[in-house]
Amino acid sequence: MTLTYIYSDSTAVLGPLATFAEPHAYDLCPLHSEKLTVPNGWSVVKSDIQTESVGPNEDDLMAIADAVREVGASQVQSNPGEPKQSEIGRRGHLRALPSN
């Protein structure tokens, strides 16, 4: 589990393992997450791990498919004389890269 603190509320939050690096978050093994203690006056909020939804859901997959379609459509409309780019499209945090 990942441990984060909300200092202004004197709260420690234990949630599912983080998917990205955060400088003020600490990943804990199951043993240490169960034995966690906090200073007097602090509270602990524990979020249960949902194991039934592992991986992308249907909305995530549709967003990826839409981004790929959008990039493909823009390539068809682009000028064939343009130099090849290493990145052929971007939508939010998703990028489409050419296959080699």
PDB file of N, CA and C in Angstrom:
ATOM      1  N   MET A   1       0.844  -1.171   0.000  1.00  0.00           N
ATOM      2  CA  MET A   1       0.000   0.000   0.000  1.00  0.00           C
ATOM      3  C   MET A   1       0.889   1.233   0.000  1.00  0.00           C
ATOM      4  N   THR A   2       0.319   2.365  -0.397  1.00  0.00           N
ATOM      5  CA  THR A   2       1.066   3.618  -0.414  1.00  0.00           C
ATOM      6  C   THR A   2       0.571   4.508   0.719  1.00  0.00           C
ATOM      7  N   LEU A   3       1.520   5.058   1.456  1.00  0.00           N
ATOM      8  CA  LEU A   3       1.228   5.930   2.595  1.00  0.00           C
ATOM      9  C   LEU A   3       1.509   7.377   2.201  1.00  0.00           C
ATOM     10  N   THR A   4       0.533   8.241   2.449  1.00  0.00           N
ATOM     11  CA  THR A   4       0.718   9.680   2.263  1.00  0.00           C
ATOM     12  C   THR A   4       0.196  10.382   3.511  1.00  0.00           C
ATOM     13  N   TYR A   5       0.629  11.628   3.687  1.00  0.00           N
ATOM     14  CA  TYR A   5       0.218  12.402   4.856  1.00  0.00           C
ATOM     15  C   TYR A   5      -0.497  13.670   4.419  1.00  0.00           C
ATOM     16  N   ILE A   6      -1.504  14.050   5.206  1.00  0.00           N
ATOM     17  CA  ILE A   6      -2.137  15.362   5.060  1.00  0.00           C
ATOM     18  C   ILE A   6      -1.837  16.088   6.364  1.00  0.00           C
ATOM     19  N   TYR A   7      -0.752  16.843   6.361  1.00  0.00           N
ATOM     20  CA  TYR A   7      -0.280  17.477   7.593  1.00  0.00           C
ATOM     21  C   TYR A   7      -1.294  18.467   8.140  1.00  0.00           C
ATOM     22  N   SER A   8      -1.980  19.203   7.282  1.00  0.00           N
ATOM     23  CA  SER A   8      -2.927  20.213   7.757  1.00  0.00           C
ATOM     24  C   SER A   8      -4.106  19.596   8.499  1.00  0.00           C
ATOM     25  N   ASP A   9      -4.449  18.334   8.187  1.00  0.00           N
ATOM     26  CA  ASP A   9      -5.555  17.638   8.851  1.00  0.00           C
ATOM     27  C   ASP A   9      -5.078  16.614   9.872  1.00  0.00           C
ATOM     28  N   SER A  10      -3.768  16.503  10.057  1.00  0.00           N
ATOM     29  CA  SER A  10      -3.182  15.494  10.949  1.00  0.00           C
ATOM     30  C   SER A  10      -3.717  14.107  10.612  1.00  0.00           C
ATOM     31  N   THR A  11      -3.613  13.751   9.324  1.00  0.00           N
ATOM     32  CA  THR A  11      -4.153  12.497   8.833  1.00  0.00           C
ATOM     33  C   THR A  11      -3.118  11.752   8.007  1.00  0.00           C
ATOM     34  N   ALA A  12      -3.039  10.453   8.218  1.00  0.00           N
ATOM     35  CA  ALA A  12      -2.225   9.569   7.390  1.00  0.00           C
ATOM     36  C   ALA A  12      -3.194   8.776   6.522  1.00  0.00           C
ATOM     37  N   VAL A  13      -2.881   8.646   5.234  1.00  0.00           N
ATOM     38  CA  VAL A  13      -3.762   7.944   4.300  1.00  0.00           C
ATOM     39  C   VAL A  13      -3.027   6.735   3.738  1.00  0.00           C
ATOM     40  N   LEU A  14      -3.630   5.548   3.893  1.00  0.00           N
ATOM     41  CA  LEU A  14      -3.108   4.308   3.327  1.00  0.00           C
ATOM     42  C   LEU A  14      -4.042   3.899   2.201  1.00  0.00           C
ATOM     43  N   GLY A  15      -3.503   3.851   0.992  1.00  0.00           N
ATOM     44  CA  GLY A  15      -4.323   3.491  -0.155  1.00  0.00           C
ATOM     45  C   GLY A  15      -3.621   2.474  -1.026  1.00  0.00           C
ATOM     46  N   PRO A  16      -4.220   2.175  -2.181  1.00  0.00           N
ATOM     47  CA  PRO A  16      -3.602   1.224  -3.110  1.00  0.00           C
ATOM     48  C   PRO A  16      -2.217   1.699  -3.547  1.00  0.00           C
ATOM     49  N   LEU A  17      -1.392   0.785  -3.959  1.00  0.00           N
ATOM     50  CA  LEU A  17      -0.042   1.095  -4.396  1.00  0.00           C
ATOM     51  C   LEU A  17      -0.079   2.130  -5.510  1.00  0.00           C
ATOM     52  N   ALA A  18       0.699   3.190  -5.380  1.00  0.00           N
ATOM     53  CA  ALA A  18       0.720   4.271  -6.357  1.00  0.00           C
ATOM     54  C   ALA A  18       1.268   3.785  -7.693  1.00  0.00           C
ATOM     55  N   THR A  19       0.757   4.344  -8.776  1.00  0.00           N
ATOM     56  CA  THR A  19       1.206   3.956 -10.109  1.00  0.00           C
ATOM     57  C   THR A  19       2.260   4.893 -10.666  1.00  0.00           C
ATOM     58  N   PHE A  20       2.616   5.947  -9.915  1.00  0.00           N
ATOM     59  CA  PHE A  20       3.640   6.883 -10.358  1.00  0.00           C
ATOM     60  C   PHE A  20       4.430   7.351  -9.140  1.00  0.00           C
ATOM     61  N   ALA A  21       5.624   7.851  -9.395  1.00  0.00           N
ATOM     62  CA  ALA A  21       6.502   8.290  -8.307  1.00  0.00           C
ATOM     63  C   ALA A  21       6.003   9.609  -7.733  1.00  0.00           C
ATOM     64  N   GLU A  22       5.892   9.669  -6.443  1.00  0.00           N
ATOM     65  CA  GLU A  22       5.480  10.873  -5.735  1.00  0.00           C
ATOM     66  C   GLU A  22       6.479  11.078  -4.612  1.00  0.00           C
ATOM     67  N   PRO A  23       7.101  12.256  -4.517  1.00  0.00           N
ATOM     68  CA  PRO A  23       8.170  12.434  -3.532  1.00  0.00           C
ATOM     69  C   PRO A  23       7.727  12.312  -2.075  1.00  0.00           C
ATOM     70  N   HIS A  24       6.452  12.539  -1.775  1.00  0.00           N
ATOM     71  CA  HIS A  24       5.998  12.486  -0.386  1.00  0.00           C
ATOM     72  C   HIS A  24       5.087  11.297  -0.126  1.00  0.00           C
ATOM     73  N   ALA A  25       5.222  10.248  -0.923  1.00  0.00           N
ATOM     74  CA  ALA A  25       4.451   9.024  -0.733  1.00  0.00           C
ATOM     75  C   ALA A  25       5.422   7.886  -0.470  1.00  0.00           C
ATOM     76  N   TYR A  26       4.988   6.967   0.377  1.00  0.00           N
ATOM     77  CA  TYR A  26       5.867   5.869   0.774  1.00  0.00           C
ATOM     78  C   TYR A  26       5.153   4.544   0.540  1.00  0.00           C
ATOM     79  N   ASP A  27       5.778   3.651  -0.199  1.00  0.00           N
ATOM     80  CA  ASP A  27       5.210   2.336  -0.458  1.00  0.00           C
ATOM     81  C   ASP A  27       5.547   1.406   0.704  1.00  0.00           C
ATOM     82  N   LEU A  28       4.525   0.734   1.225  1.00  0.00           N
ATOM     83  CA  LEU A  28       4.695  -0.159   2.366  1.00  0.00           C
ATOM     84  C   LEU A  28       4.300  -1.584   1.996  1.00  0.00           C
ATOM     85  N   CYS A  29       5.016  -2.539   2.540  1.00  0.00           N
ATOM     86  CA  CYS A  29       4.647  -3.943   2.359  1.00  0.00           C
ATOM     87  C   CYS A  29       3.410  -4.220   3.226  1.00  0.00           C
ATOM     88  N   PRO A  30       2.725  -5.350   2.997  1.00  0.00           N
ATOM     89  CA  PRO A  30       1.520  -5.645   3.791  1.00  0.00           C
ATOM     90  C   PRO A  30       1.770  -5.678   5.305  1.00  0.00           C
ATOM     91  N   LEU A  31       2.901  -6.226   5.733  1.00  0.00           N
ATOM     92  CA  LEU A  31       3.202  -6.311   7.157  1.00  0.00           C
ATOM     93  C   LEU A  31       3.292  -4.918   7.781  1.00  0.00           C
ATOM     94  N   HIS A  32       4.047  -4.018   7.147  1.00  0.00           N
ATOM     95  CA  HIS A  32       4.224  -2.685   7.705  1.00  0.00           C
ATOM     96  C   HIS A  32       2.967  -1.820   7.564  1.00  0.00           C
ATOM     97  N   SER A  33       2.169  -2.057   6.536  1.00  0.00           N
ATOM     98  CA  SER A  33       0.934  -1.277   6.425  1.00  0.00           C
ATOM     99  C   SER A  33      -0.061  -1.665   7.520  1.00  0.00           C
ATOM    100  N   GLU A  34      -0.025  -2.927   7.980  1.00  0.00           N
ATOM    101  CA  GLU A  34      -0.901  -3.355   9.071  1.00  0.00           C
ATOM    102  C   GLU A  34      -0.419  -2.832  10.422  1.00  0.00           C
ATOM    103  N   LYS A  35       0.899  -2.685  10.590  1.00  0.00           N
ATOM    104  CA  LYS A  35       1.469  -2.262  11.874  1.00  0.00           C
ATOM    105  C   LYS A  35       1.655  -0.750  11.980  1.00  0.00           C
ATOM    106  N   LEU A  36       1.137   0.008  11.008  1.00  0.00           N
ATOM    107  CA  LEU A  36       1.338   1.457  10.987  1.00  0.00           C
ATOM    108  C   LEU A  36       0.767   2.120  12.236  1.00  0.00           C
ATOM    109  N   THR A  37       1.570   2.957  12.856  1.00  0.00           N
ATOM    110  CA  THR A  37       1.098   3.804  13.960  1.00  0.00           C
ATOM    111  C   THR A  37       1.377   5.247  13.590  1.00  0.00           C
ATOM    112  N   VAL A  38       0.545   6.148  14.105  1.00  0.00           N
ATOM    113  CA  VAL A  38       0.691   7.572  13.807  1.00  0.00           C
ATOM    114  C   VAL A  38       0.831   8.337  15.117  1.00  0.00           C
ATOM    115  N   PRO A  39       1.300   9.577  15.060  1.00  0.00           N
ATOM    116  CA  PRO A  39       1.444  10.368  16.289  1.00  0.00           C
ATOM    117  C   PRO A  39       0.089  10.575  16.999  1.00  0.00           C
ATOM    118  N   ASN A  40       0.153  10.853  18.311  1.00  0.00           N
ATOM    119  CA  ASN A  40      -1.067  11.134  19.076  1.00  0.00           C
ATOM    120  C   ASN A  40      -1.820  12.295  18.442  1.00  0.00           C
ATOM    121  N   GLY A  41      -3.136  12.139  18.328  1.00  0.00           N
ATOM    122  CA  GLY A  41      -3.973  13.190  17.752  1.00  0.00           C
ATOM    123  C   GLY A  41      -4.169  13.050  16.255  1.00  0.00           C
ATOM    124  N   TRP A  42      -3.431  12.159  15.624  1.00  0.00           N
ATOM    125  CA  TRP A  42      -3.566  11.933  14.181  1.00  0.00           C
ATOM    126  C   TRP A  42      -4.587  10.829  13.940  1.00  0.00           C
ATOM    127  N   SER A  43      -5.162  10.838  12.746  1.00  0.00           N
ATOM    128  CA  SER A  43      -6.077   9.761  12.357  1.00  0.00           C
ATOM    129  C   SER A  43      -5.527   9.062  11.119  1.00  0.00           C
ATOM    130  N   VAL A  44      -5.989   7.829  10.908  1.00  0.00           N
ATOM    131  CA  VAL A  44      -5.557   7.036   9.756  1.00  0.00           C
ATOM    132  C   VAL A  44      -6.778   6.725   8.904  1.00  0.00           C
ATOM    133  N   VAL A  45      -6.666   6.980   7.611  1.00  0.00           N
ATOM    134  CA  VAL A  45      -7.713   6.623   6.656  1.00  0.00           C
ATOM    135  C   VAL A  45      -7.149   5.493   5.813  1.00  0.00           C
ATOM    136  N   LYS A  46      -7.841   4.338   5.817  1.00  0.00           N
ATOM    137  CA  LYS A  46      -7.392   3.189   5.027  1.00  0.00           C
ATOM    138  C   LYS A  46      -8.373   2.953   3.906  1.00  0.00           C
ATOM    139  N   SER A  47      -7.859   2.868   2.700  1.00  0.00           N
ATOM    140  CA  SER A  47      -8.675   2.587   1.525  1.00  0.00           C
ATOM    141  C   SER A  47      -8.447   1.142   1.127  1.00  0.00           C
ATOM    142  N   ASP A  48      -9.532   0.404   0.927  1.00  0.00           N
ATOM    143  CA  ASP A  48      -9.413  -0.994   0.528  1.00  0.00           C
ATOM    144  C   ASP A  48      -8.906  -1.102  -0.899  1.00  0.00           C
ATOM    145  N   ILE A  49      -8.146  -2.150  -1.165  1.00  0.00           N
ATOM    146  CA  ILE A  49      -7.644  -2.416  -2.510  1.00  0.00           C
ATOM    147  C   ILE A  49      -8.711  -3.179  -3.271  1.00  0.00           C
ATOM    148  N   GLN A  50      -9.049  -2.691  -4.467  1.00  0.00           N
ATOM    149  CA  GLN A  50     -10.032  -3.374  -5.298  1.00  0.00           C
ATOM    150  C   GLN A  50      -9.294  -4.308  -6.244  1.00  0.00           C
ATOM    151  N   THR A  51      -9.445  -5.619  -6.035  1.00  0.00           N
ATOM    152  CA  THR A  51      -8.711  -6.588  -6.844  1.00  0.00           C
ATOM    153  C   THR A  51      -9.486  -7.017  -8.078  1.00  0.00           C
ATOM    154  N   GLU A  52     -10.806  -6.779  -8.113  1.00  0.00           N
ATOM    155  CA  GLU A  52     -11.576  -7.239  -9.264  1.00  0.00           C
ATOM    156  C   GLU A  52     -11.355  -6.384 -10.505  1.00  0.00           C
ATOM    157  N   SER A  53     -10.853  -5.181 -10.350  1.00  0.00           N
ATOM    158  CA  SER A  53     -10.664  -4.288 -11.494  1.00  0.00           C
ATOM    159  C   SER A  53      -9.173  -4.044 -11.724  1.00  0.00           C
ATOM    160  N   VAL A  54      -8.479  -5.057 -12.212  1.00  0.00           N
ATOM    161  CA  VAL A  54      -7.061  -4.926 -12.486  1.00  0.00           C
ATOM    162  C   VAL A  54      -6.884  -4.630 -13.973  1.00  0.00           C
ATOM    163  N   GLY A  55      -6.112  -3.607 -14.275  1.00  0.00           N
ATOM    164  CA  GLY A  55      -5.886  -3.242 -15.667  1.00  0.00           C
ATOM    165  C   GLY A  55      -6.864  -2.181 -16.134  1.00  0.00           C
ATOM    166  N   PRO A  56      -6.770  -1.834 -17.411  1.00  0.00           N
ATOM    167  CA  PRO A  56      -7.630  -0.762 -17.922  1.00  0.00           C
ATOM    168  C   PRO A  56      -9.090  -1.204 -18.007  1.00  0.00           C
ATOM    169  N   ASN A  57      -9.998  -0.244 -17.758  1.00  0.00           N
ATOM    170  CA  ASN A  57     -11.418  -0.561 -17.902  1.00  0.00           C
ATOM    171  C   ASN A  57     -11.863  -0.205 -19.325  1.00  0.00           C
ATOM    172  N   GLU A  58     -13.144  -0.386 -19.608  1.00  0.00           N
ATOM    173  CA  GLU A  58     -13.646  -0.161 -20.960  1.00  0.00           C
ATOM    174  C   GLU A  58     -13.474   1.291 -21.400  1.00  0.00           C
ATOM    175  N   ASP A  59     -13.665   2.238 -20.486  1.00  0.00           N
ATOM    176  CA  ASP A  59     -13.493   3.652 -20.830  1.00  0.00           C
ATOM    177  C   ASP A  59     -12.040   3.964 -21.202  1.00  0.00           C
ATOM    178  N   ASP A  60     -11.083   3.363 -20.479  1.00  0.00           N
ATOM    179  CA  ASP A  60      -9.667   3.567 -20.795  1.00  0.00           C
ATOM    180  C   ASP A  60      -9.347   3.046 -22.195  1.00  0.00           C
ATOM    181  N   LEU A  61      -9.846   1.862 -22.507  1.00  0.00           N
ATOM    182  CA  LEU A  61      -9.577   1.272 -23.814  1.00  0.00           C
ATOM    183  C   LEU A  61     -10.209   2.091 -24.942  1.00  0.00           C
ATOM    184  N   MET A  62     -11.409   2.614 -24.715  1.00  0.00           N
ATOM    185  CA  MET A  62     -12.059   3.441 -25.734  1.00  0.00           C
ATOM    186  C   MET A  62     -11.301   4.753 -25.942  1.00  0.00           C
ATOM    187  N   ALA A  63     -10.759   5.330 -24.877  1.00  0.00           N
ATOM    188  CA  ALA A  63      -9.976   6.562 -24.997  1.00  0.00           C
ATOM    189  C   ALA A  63      -8.721   6.312 -25.820  1.00  0.00           C
ATOM    190  N   ILE A  64      -8.072   5.181 -25.606  1.00  0.00           N
ATOM    191  CA  ILE A  64      -6.875   4.843 -26.384  1.00  0.00           C
ATOM    192  C   ILE A  64      -7.239   4.622 -27.844  1.00  0.00           C
ATOM    193  N   ALA A  65      -8.326   3.885 -28.091  1.00  0.00           N
ATOM    194  CA  ALA A  65      -8.757   3.628 -29.468  1.00  0.00           C
ATOM    195  C   ALA A  65      -9.116   4.928 -30.182  1.00  0.00           C
ATOM    196  N   ASP A  66      -9.807   5.838 -29.504  1.00  0.00           N
ATOM    197  CA  ASP A  66     -10.156   7.123 -30.108  1.00  0.00           C
ATOM    198  C   ASP A  66      -8.916   7.943 -30.435  1.00  0.00           C
ATOM    199  N   ALA A  67      -7.922   7.919 -29.539  1.00  0.00           N
ATOM    200  CA  ALA A  67      -6.686   8.659 -29.783  1.00  0.00           C
ATOM    201  C   ALA A  67      -5.943   8.099 -30.991  1.00  0.00           C
ATOM    202  N   VAL A  68      -5.903   6.777 -31.107  1.00  0.00           N
ATOM    203  CA  VAL A  68      -5.226   6.148 -32.246  1.00  0.00           C
ATOM    204  C   VAL A  68      -5.958   6.481 -33.541  1.00  0.00           C
ATOM    205  N   ARG A  69      -7.295   6.424 -33.526  1.00  0.00           N
ATOM    206  CA  ARG A  69      -8.071   6.771 -34.729  1.00  0.00           C
ATOM    207  C   ARG A  69      -7.828   8.225 -35.137  1.00  0.00           C
ATOM    208  N   GLU A  70      -7.786   9.116 -34.164  1.00  0.00           N
ATOM    209  CA  GLU A  70      -7.571  10.540 -34.445  1.00  0.00           C
ATOM    210  C   GLU A  70      -6.207  10.772 -35.085  1.00  0.00           C
ATOM    211  N   VAL A  71      -5.186  10.117 -34.567  1.00  0.00           N
ATOM    212  CA  VAL A  71      -3.838  10.255 -35.131  1.00  0.00           C
ATOM    213  C   VAL A  71      -3.800   9.663 -36.530  1.00  0.00           C
ATOM    214  N   GLY A  72      -4.430   8.500 -36.723  1.00  0.00           N
ATOM    215  CA  GLY A  72      -4.463   7.876 -38.045  1.00  0.00           C
ATOM    216  C   GLY A  72      -5.164   8.760 -39.058  1.00  0.00           C
ATOM    217  N   ALA A  73      -6.258   9.389 -38.668  1.00  0.00           N
ATOM    218  CA  ALA A  73      -6.988  10.273 -39.576  1.00  0.00           C
ATOM    219  C   ALA A  73      -6.162  11.502 -39.918  1.00  0.00           C
ATOM    220  N   SER A  74      -5.424  12.040 -38.958  1.00  0.00           N
ATOM    221  CA  SER A  74      -4.601  13.221 -39.230  1.00  0.00           C
ATOM    222  C   SER A  74      -3.420  12.874 -40.130  1.00  0.00           C
ATOM    223  N   GLN A  75      -2.926  11.640 -40.067  1.00  0.00           N
ATOM    224  CA  GLN A  75      -1.826  11.221 -40.940  1.00  0.00           C
ATOM    225  C   GLN A  75      -2.295  11.122 -42.385  1.00  0.00           C
ATOM    226  N   VAL A  76      -3.506  10.646 -42.593  1.00  0.00           N
ATOM    227  CA  VAL A  76      -4.040  10.514 -43.943  1.00  0.00           C
ATOM    228  C   VAL A  76      -4.187  11.889 -44.579  1.00  0.00           C
ATOM    229  N   GLN A  77      -4.555  12.891 -43.788  1.00  0.00           N
ATOM    230  CA  GLN A  77      -4.765  14.241 -44.294  1.00  0.00           C
ATOM    231  C   GLN A  77      -3.474  15.036 -44.407  1.00  0.00           C
ATOM    232  N   SER A  78      -2.380  14.576 -43.786  1.00  0.00           N
ATOM    233  CA  SER A  78      -1.128  15.343 -43.792  1.00  0.00           C
ATOM    234  C   SER A  78      -0.436  15.261 -45.143  1.00  0.00           C
ATOM    235  N   ASN A  79       0.490  16.154 -45.347  1.00  0.00           N
ATOM    236  CA  ASN A  79       1.239  16.246 -46.602  1.00  0.00           C
ATOM    237  C   ASN A  79       2.241  15.095 -46.671  1.00  0.00           C
ATOM    238  N   PRO A  80       2.223  14.267 -47.738  1.00  0.00           N
ATOM    239  CA  PRO A  80       3.160  13.133 -47.814  1.00  0.00           C
ATOM    240  C   PRO A  80       4.612  13.573 -47.960  1.00  0.00           C
ATOM    241  N   GLY A  81       4.874  14.809 -48.346  1.00  0.00           N
ATOM    242  CA  GLY A  81       6.246  15.286 -48.507  1.00  0.00           C
ATOM    243  C   GLY A  81       6.888  15.737 -47.217  1.00  0.00           C
ATOM    244  N   GLU A  82       6.125  15.749 -46.100  1.00  0.00           N
ATOM    245  CA  GLU A  82       6.674  16.193 -44.823  1.00  0.00           C
ATOM    246  C   GLU A  82       7.668  15.170 -44.297  1.00  0.00           C
ATOM    247  N   PRO A  83       8.736  15.624 -43.614  1.00  0.00           N
ATOM    248  CA  PRO A  83       9.694  14.679 -43.033  1.00  0.00           C
ATOM    249  C   PRO A  83       9.033  13.868 -41.925  1.00  0.00           C
ATOM    250  N   LYS A  84       9.476  12.628 -41.783  1.00  0.00           N
ATOM    251  CA  LYS A  84       8.923  11.720 -40.778  1.00  0.00           C
ATOM    252  C   LYS A  84       9.331  12.186 -39.385  1.00  0.00           C
ATOM    253  N   GLN A  85       8.379  12.216 -38.460  1.00  0.00           N
ATOM    254  CA  GLN A  85       8.638  12.626 -37.089  1.00  0.00           C
ATOM    255  C   GLN A  85       8.799  11.391 -36.214  1.00  0.00           C
ATOM    256  N   SER A  86       9.528  11.552 -35.123  1.00  0.00           N
ATOM    257  CA  SER A  86       9.646  10.419 -34.206  1.00  0.00           C
ATOM    258  C   SER A  86       8.358  10.247 -33.406  1.00  0.00           C
ATOM    259  N   GLU A  87       7.597  11.318 -33.248  1.00  0.00           N
ATOM    260  CA  GLU A  87       6.297  11.253 -32.582  1.00  0.00           C
ATOM    261  C   GLU A  87       5.260  11.718 -33.586  1.00  0.00           C
ATOM    262  N   ILE A  88       4.276  10.865 -33.899  1.00  0.00           N
ATOM    263  CA  ILE A  88       3.338  11.214 -34.961  1.00  0.00           C
ATOM    264  C   ILE A  88       2.037  11.808 -34.458  1.00  0.00           C
ATOM    265  N   GLY A  89       1.805  11.779 -33.168  1.00  0.00           N
ATOM    266  CA  GLY A  89       0.587  12.382 -32.646  1.00  0.00           C
ATOM    267  C   GLY A  89       0.570  12.402 -31.138  1.00  0.00           C
ATOM    268  N   ARG A  90      -0.190  13.323 -30.594  1.00  0.00           N
ATOM    269  CA  ARG A  90      -0.303  13.452 -29.148  1.00  0.00           C
ATOM    270  C   ARG A  90      -1.725  13.877 -28.812  1.00  0.00           C
ATOM    271  N   ARG A  91      -2.273  13.260 -27.761  1.00  0.00           N
ATOM    272  CA  ARG A  91      -3.569  13.640 -27.246  1.00  0.00           C
ATOM    273  C   ARG A  91      -3.518  13.497 -25.741  1.00  0.00           C
ATOM    274  N   GLY A  92      -3.465  14.627 -25.049  1.00  0.00           N
ATOM    275  CA  GLY A  92      -3.337  14.594 -23.596  1.00  0.00           C
ATOM    276  C   GLY A  92      -2.025  13.941 -23.217  1.00  0.00           C
ATOM    277  N   HIS A  93      -2.083  12.916 -22.384  1.00  0.00           N
ATOM    278  CA  HIS A  93      -0.870  12.212 -21.959  1.00  0.00           C
ATOM    279  C   HIS A  93      -0.557  11.010 -22.842  1.00  0.00           C
ATOM    280  N   LEU A  94      -1.376  10.770 -23.887  1.00  0.00           N
ATOM    281  CA  LEU A  94      -1.141   9.646 -24.791  1.00  0.00           C
ATOM    282  C   LEU A  94      -0.333  10.103 -25.996  1.00  0.00           C
ATOM    283  N   ARG A  95       0.571   9.279 -26.474  1.00  0.00           N
ATOM    284  CA  ARG A  95       1.350   9.576 -27.674  1.00  0.00           C
ATOM    285  C   ARG A  95       1.261   8.409 -28.620  1.00  0.00           C
ATOM    286  N   ALA A  96       1.219   8.698 -29.909  1.00  0.00           N
ATOM    287  CA  ALA A  96       1.273   7.654 -30.925  1.00  0.00           C
ATOM    288  C   ALA A  96       2.651   7.725 -31.561  1.00  0.00           C
ATOM    289  N   LEU A  97       3.356   6.621 -31.560  1.00  0.00           N
ATOM    290  CA  LEU A  97       4.696   6.558 -32.127  1.00  0.00           C
ATOM    291  C   LEU A  97       4.676   5.636 -33.336  1.00  0.00           C
ATOM    292  N   PRO A  98       5.477   5.952 -34.359  1.00  0.00           N
ATOM    293  CA  PRO A  98       5.497   5.076 -35.536  1.00  0.00           C
ATOM    294  C   PRO A  98       6.157   3.740 -35.193  1.00  0.00           C
ATOM    295  N   SER A  99       5.696   2.678 -35.837  1.00  0.00           N
ATOM    296  CA  SER A  99       6.329   1.379 -35.616  1.00  0.00           C
ATOM    297  C   SER A  99       7.581   1.304 -36.487  1.00  0.00           C
ATOM    298  N   ASN A 100       8.560   0.597 -36.007  1.00  0.00           N
ATOM    299  CA  ASN A 100       9.821   0.476 -36.738  1.00  0.00           C
ATOM    300  C   ASN A 100       9.916  -0.858 -37.424  1.00  0.00           C
TER     301      ASN A 100
END
